Every structure is written in structure tokens, then in C-alpha cells.
Amino acid sequence: MKEAGKPLSAGEVEKITGIDRKEIDKAFKELKAENAIVSPVRCKWEPA
């Protein structure tokens, strides 16, 4: 996310990394709970 320089959706992360979408969603959920990522725009995420 930092390298992209912009907020990313889970789908964009999937395309960039090749990681399964379910794993990304699980990681996003954990990162949100830890306040490690924030959503400046709907469905887009960036490091806090």
C-alpha cells in the first residue's frame, strides 16, 4: 500500500500481490481492528 502511494481496494491488492482475496479480506479485518489501516474513501484502504 505504501509503495502504491494511494489508497487501495482489496481487489487491487489481489492483482498486485497475487494473494487470494479471502486472505486479503481476513488480513484487512485484522488490520482494521488494530487501527493499522484507515479508509479515506469507501472501500479503499491505506496505512494509518
PDB file of N, CA and C in Angstrom:
ATOM      1  N   MET A   1       0.814  -1.182   0.000  1.00  0.00           N
ATOM      2  CA  MET A   1       0.000   0.000   0.000  1.00  0.00           C
ATOM      3  C   MET A   1       0.864   1.255   0.000  1.00  0.00           C
ATOM      4  N   LYS A   2       1.924   1.217   0.798  1.00  0.00           N
ATOM      5  CA  LYS A   2       2.810   2.379   0.848  1.00  0.00           C
ATOM      6  C   LYS A   2       3.469   2.620  -0.504  1.00  0.00           C
ATOM      7  N   GLU A   3       3.882   1.542  -1.165  1.00  0.00           N
ATOM      8  CA  GLU A   3       4.550   1.675  -2.462  1.00  0.00           C
ATOM      9  C   GLU A   3       3.621   2.210  -3.540  1.00  0.00           C
ATOM     10  N   ALA A   4       2.337   1.891  -3.442  1.00  0.00           N
ATOM     11  CA  ALA A   4       1.375   2.351  -4.442  1.00  0.00           C
ATOM     12  C   ALA A   4       1.171   3.859  -4.341  1.00  0.00           C
ATOM     13  N   GLY A   5       1.323   4.402  -3.141  1.00  0.00           N
ATOM     14  CA  GLY A   5       1.192   5.836  -2.960  1.00  0.00           C
ATOM     15  C   GLY A   5      -0.244   6.338  -3.015  1.00  0.00           C
ATOM     16  N   LYS A   6      -1.197   5.422  -2.910  1.00  0.00           N
ATOM     17  CA  LYS A   6      -2.608   5.799  -2.926  1.00  0.00           C
ATOM     18  C   LYS A   6      -3.400   4.732  -2.192  1.00  0.00           C
ATOM     19  N   PRO A   7      -4.609   5.059  -1.748  1.00  0.00           N
ATOM     20  CA  PRO A   7      -5.460   4.049  -1.120  1.00  0.00           C
ATOM     21  C   PRO A   7      -5.809   2.945  -2.116  1.00  0.00           C
ATOM     22  N   LEU A   8      -5.844   1.699  -1.634  1.00  0.00           N
ATOM     23  CA  LEU A   8      -6.120   0.554  -2.496  1.00  0.00           C
ATOM     24  C   LEU A   8      -7.313  -0.245  -2.000  1.00  0.00           C
ATOM     25  N   SER A   9      -8.033  -0.836  -2.927  1.00  0.00           N
ATOM     26  CA  SER A   9      -9.118  -1.757  -2.578  1.00  0.00           C
ATOM     27  C   SER A   9      -8.527  -3.153  -2.428  1.00  0.00           C
ATOM     28  N   ALA A  10      -9.294  -4.053  -1.866  1.00  0.00           N
ATOM     29  CA  ALA A  10      -8.839  -5.433  -1.724  1.00  0.00           C
ATOM     30  C   ALA A  10      -8.574  -6.053  -3.099  1.00  0.00           C
ATOM     31  N   GLY A  11      -9.391  -5.712  -4.074  1.00  0.00           N
ATOM     32  CA  GLY A  11      -9.202  -6.225  -5.434  1.00  0.00           C
ATOM     33  C   GLY A  11      -7.896  -5.771  -6.048  1.00  0.00           C
ATOM     34  N   GLU A  12      -7.533  -4.523  -5.793  1.00  0.00           N
ATOM     35  CA  GLU A  12      -6.265  -4.010  -6.319  1.00  0.00           C
ATOM     36  C   GLU A  12      -5.079  -4.692  -5.642  1.00  0.00           C
ATOM     37  N   VAL A  13      -5.194  -4.920  -4.339  1.00  0.00           N
ATOM     38  CA  VAL A  13      -4.133  -5.621  -3.609  1.00  0.00           C
ATOM     39  C   VAL A  13      -3.987  -7.030  -4.172  1.00  0.00           C
ATOM     40  N   GLU A  14      -5.105  -7.671  -4.479  1.00  0.00           N
ATOM     41  CA  GLU A  14      -5.081  -9.019  -5.046  1.00  0.00           C
ATOM     42  C   GLU A  14      -4.347  -9.036  -6.387  1.00  0.00           C
ATOM     43  N   LYS A  15      -4.631  -8.076  -7.249  1.00  0.00           N
ATOM     44  CA  LYS A  15      -3.977  -8.010  -8.561  1.00  0.00           C
ATOM     45  C   LYS A  15      -2.480  -7.766  -8.434  1.00  0.00           C
ATOM     46  N   ILE A  16      -2.095  -6.898  -7.515  1.00  0.00           N
ATOM     47  CA  ILE A  16      -0.681  -6.539  -7.344  1.00  0.00           C
ATOM     48  C   ILE A  16       0.116  -7.690  -6.745  1.00  0.00           C
ATOM     49  N   THR A  17      -0.469  -8.352  -5.723  1.00  0.00           N
ATOM     50  CA  THR A  17       0.287  -9.358  -4.967  1.00  0.00           C
ATOM     51  C   THR A  17       0.038 -10.787  -5.411  1.00  0.00           C
ATOM     52  N   GLY A  18      -1.132 -11.060  -5.984  1.00  0.00           N
ATOM     53  CA  GLY A  18      -1.476 -12.425  -6.348  1.00  0.00           C
ATOM     54  C   GLY A  18      -1.987 -13.248  -5.176  1.00  0.00           C
ATOM     55  N   ILE A  19      -2.176 -12.611  -4.030  1.00  0.00           N
ATOM     56  CA  ILE A  19      -2.692 -13.283  -2.842  1.00  0.00           C
ATOM     57  C   ILE A  19      -4.198 -13.471  -2.996  1.00  0.00           C
ATOM     58  N   ASP A  20      -4.712 -14.594  -2.511  1.00  0.00           N
ATOM     59  CA  ASP A  20      -6.134 -14.901  -2.592  1.00  0.00           C
ATOM     60  C   ASP A  20      -6.969 -13.826  -1.889  1.00  0.00           C
ATOM     61  N   ARG A  21      -8.093 -13.451  -2.494  1.00  0.00           N
ATOM     62  CA  ARG A  21      -8.955 -12.384  -1.969  1.00  0.00           C
ATOM     63  C   ARG A  21      -9.448 -12.679  -0.553  1.00  0.00           C
ATOM     64  N   LYS A  22      -9.740 -13.933  -0.255  1.00  0.00           N
ATOM     65  CA  LYS A  22     -10.210 -14.283   1.086  1.00  0.00           C
ATOM     66  C   LYS A  22      -9.149 -13.984   2.134  1.00  0.00           C
ATOM     67  N   GLU A  23      -7.891 -14.258   1.789  1.00  0.00           N
ATOM     68  CA  GLU A  23      -6.785 -13.972   2.712  1.00  0.00           C
ATOM     69  C   GLU A  23      -6.614 -12.468   2.909  1.00  0.00           C
ATOM     70  N   ILE A  24      -6.780 -11.711   1.837  1.00  0.00           N
ATOM     71  CA  ILE A  24      -6.668 -10.249   1.915  1.00  0.00           C
ATOM     72  C   ILE A  24      -7.771  -9.691   2.806  1.00  0.00           C
ATOM     73  N   ASP A  25      -9.007 -10.150   2.593  1.00  0.00           N
ATOM     74  CA  ASP A  25     -10.123  -9.685   3.415  1.00  0.00           C
ATOM     75  C   ASP A  25      -9.891  -9.996   4.888  1.00  0.00           C
ATOM     76  N   LYS A  26      -9.356 -11.184   5.166  1.00  0.00           N
ATOM     77  CA  LYS A  26      -9.065 -11.580   6.548  1.00  0.00           C
ATOM     78  C   LYS A  26      -7.992 -10.659   7.148  1.00  0.00           C
ATOM     79  N   ALA A  27      -6.944 -10.394   6.375  1.00  0.00           N
ATOM     80  CA  ALA A  27      -5.870  -9.520   6.850  1.00  0.00           C
ATOM     81  C   ALA A  27      -6.376  -8.093   7.053  1.00  0.00           C
ATOM     82  N   PHE A  28      -7.202  -7.592   6.125  1.00  0.00           N
ATOM     83  CA  PHE A  28      -7.768  -6.245   6.264  1.00  0.00           C
ATOM     84  C   PHE A  28      -8.594  -6.143   7.543  1.00  0.00           C
ATOM     85  N   LYS A  29      -9.371  -7.186   7.841  1.00  0.00           N
ATOM     86  CA  LYS A  29     -10.200  -7.179   9.043  1.00  0.00           C
ATOM     87  C   LYS A  29      -9.327  -7.064  10.293  1.00  0.00           C
ATOM     88  N   GLU A  30      -8.242  -7.826  10.321  1.00  0.00           N
ATOM     89  CA  GLU A  30      -7.325  -7.775  11.464  1.00  0.00           C
ATOM     90  C   GLU A  30      -6.629  -6.424  11.549  1.00  0.00           C
ATOM     91  N   LEU A  31      -6.194  -5.895  10.411  1.00  0.00           N
ATOM     92  CA  LEU A  31      -5.519  -4.595  10.405  1.00  0.00           C
ATOM     93  C   LEU A  31      -6.462  -3.472  10.829  1.00  0.00           C
ATOM     94  N   LYS A  32      -7.730  -3.558  10.430  1.00  0.00           N
ATOM     95  CA  LYS A  32      -8.714  -2.557  10.854  1.00  0.00           C
ATOM     96  C   LYS A  32      -8.894  -2.609  12.364  1.00  0.00           C
ATOM     97  N   ALA A  33      -8.971  -3.805  12.924  1.00  0.00           N
ATOM     98  CA  ALA A  33      -9.151  -3.968  14.373  1.00  0.00           C
ATOM     99  C   ALA A  33      -7.972  -3.387  15.144  1.00  0.00           C
ATOM    100  N   GLU A  34      -6.787  -3.443  14.552  1.00  0.00           N
ATOM    101  CA  GLU A  34      -5.578  -2.917  15.186  1.00  0.00           C
ATOM    102  C   GLU A  34      -5.362  -1.441  14.866  1.00  0.00           C
ATOM    103  N   ASN A  35      -6.270  -0.847  14.088  1.00  0.00           N
ATOM    104  CA  ASN A  35      -6.150   0.542  13.633  1.00  0.00           C
ATOM    105  C   ASN A  35      -4.869   0.776  12.842  1.00  0.00           C
ATOM    106  N   ALA A  36      -4.417  -0.248  12.124  1.00  0.00           N
ATOM    107  CA  ALA A  36      -3.204  -0.142  11.315  1.00  0.00           C
ATOM    108  C   ALA A  36      -3.503   0.398   9.914  1.00  0.00           C
ATOM    109  N   ILE A  37      -4.774   0.274   9.487  1.00  0.00           N
ATOM    110  CA  ILE A  37      -5.178   0.827   8.202  1.00  0.00           C
ATOM    111  C   ILE A  37      -6.443   1.659   8.396  1.00  0.00           C
ATOM    112  N   VAL A  38      -6.609   2.660   7.529  1.00  0.00           N
ATOM    113  CA  VAL A  38      -7.779   3.532   7.574  1.00  0.00           C
ATOM    114  C   VAL A  38      -8.381   3.627   6.182  1.00  0.00           C
ATOM    115  N   SER A  39      -9.644   4.012   6.132  1.00  0.00           N
ATOM    116  CA  SER A  39     -10.347   4.119   4.861  1.00  0.00           C
ATOM    117  C   SER A  39     -10.681   5.586   4.574  1.00  0.00           C
ATOM    118  N   PRO A  40      -9.851   6.264   3.749  1.00  0.00           N
ATOM    119  CA  PRO A  40     -10.128   7.663   3.425  1.00  0.00           C
ATOM    120  C   PRO A  40     -11.276   7.806   2.423  1.00  0.00           C
ATOM    121  N   VAL A  41     -11.516   6.753   1.653  1.00  0.00           N
ATOM    122  CA  VAL A  41     -12.604   6.708   0.687  1.00  0.00           C
ATOM    123  C   VAL A  41     -13.262   5.342   0.809  1.00  0.00           C
ATOM    124  N   ARG A  42     -14.525   5.265   0.506  1.00  0.00           N
ATOM    125  CA  ARG A  42     -15.248   3.995   0.645  1.00  0.00           C
ATOM    126  C   ARG A  42     -14.550   2.865  -0.111  1.00  0.00           C
ATOM    127  N   CYS A  43     -14.344   1.748   0.576  1.00  0.00           N
ATOM    128  CA  CYS A  43     -13.759   0.521   0.014  1.00  0.00           C
ATOM    129  C   CYS A  43     -12.301   0.659  -0.411  1.00  0.00           C
ATOM    130  N   LYS A  44     -11.623   1.694   0.002  1.00  0.00           N
ATOM    131  CA  LYS A  44     -10.191   1.866  -0.282  1.00  0.00           C
ATOM    132  C   LYS A  44      -9.489   2.006   1.062  1.00  0.00           C
ATOM    133  N   TRP A  45      -8.298   1.444   1.142  1.00  0.00           N
ATOM    134  CA  TRP A  45      -7.570   1.426   2.409  1.00  0.00           C
ATOM    135  C   TRP A  45      -6.140   1.911   2.245  1.00  0.00           C
ATOM    136  N   GLU A  46      -5.602   2.500   3.319  1.00  0.00           N
ATOM    137  CA  GLU A  46      -4.211   2.941   3.336  1.00  0.00           C
ATOM    138  C   GLU A  46      -3.667   2.797   4.752  1.00  0.00           C
ATOM    139  N   PRO A  47      -2.347   2.737   4.886  1.00  0.00           N
ATOM    140  CA  PRO A  47      -1.766   2.615   6.225  1.00  0.00           C
ATOM    141  C   PRO A  47      -2.161   3.807   7.091  1.00  0.00           C
ATOM    142  N   ALA A  48      -2.381   3.562   8.370  1.00  0.00           N
ATOM    143  CA  ALA A  48      -2.762   4.622   9.305  1.00  0.00           C
ATOM    144  C   ALA A  48      -1.576   5.516   9.599  1.00  0.00           C
TER     145      ALA A  48
END
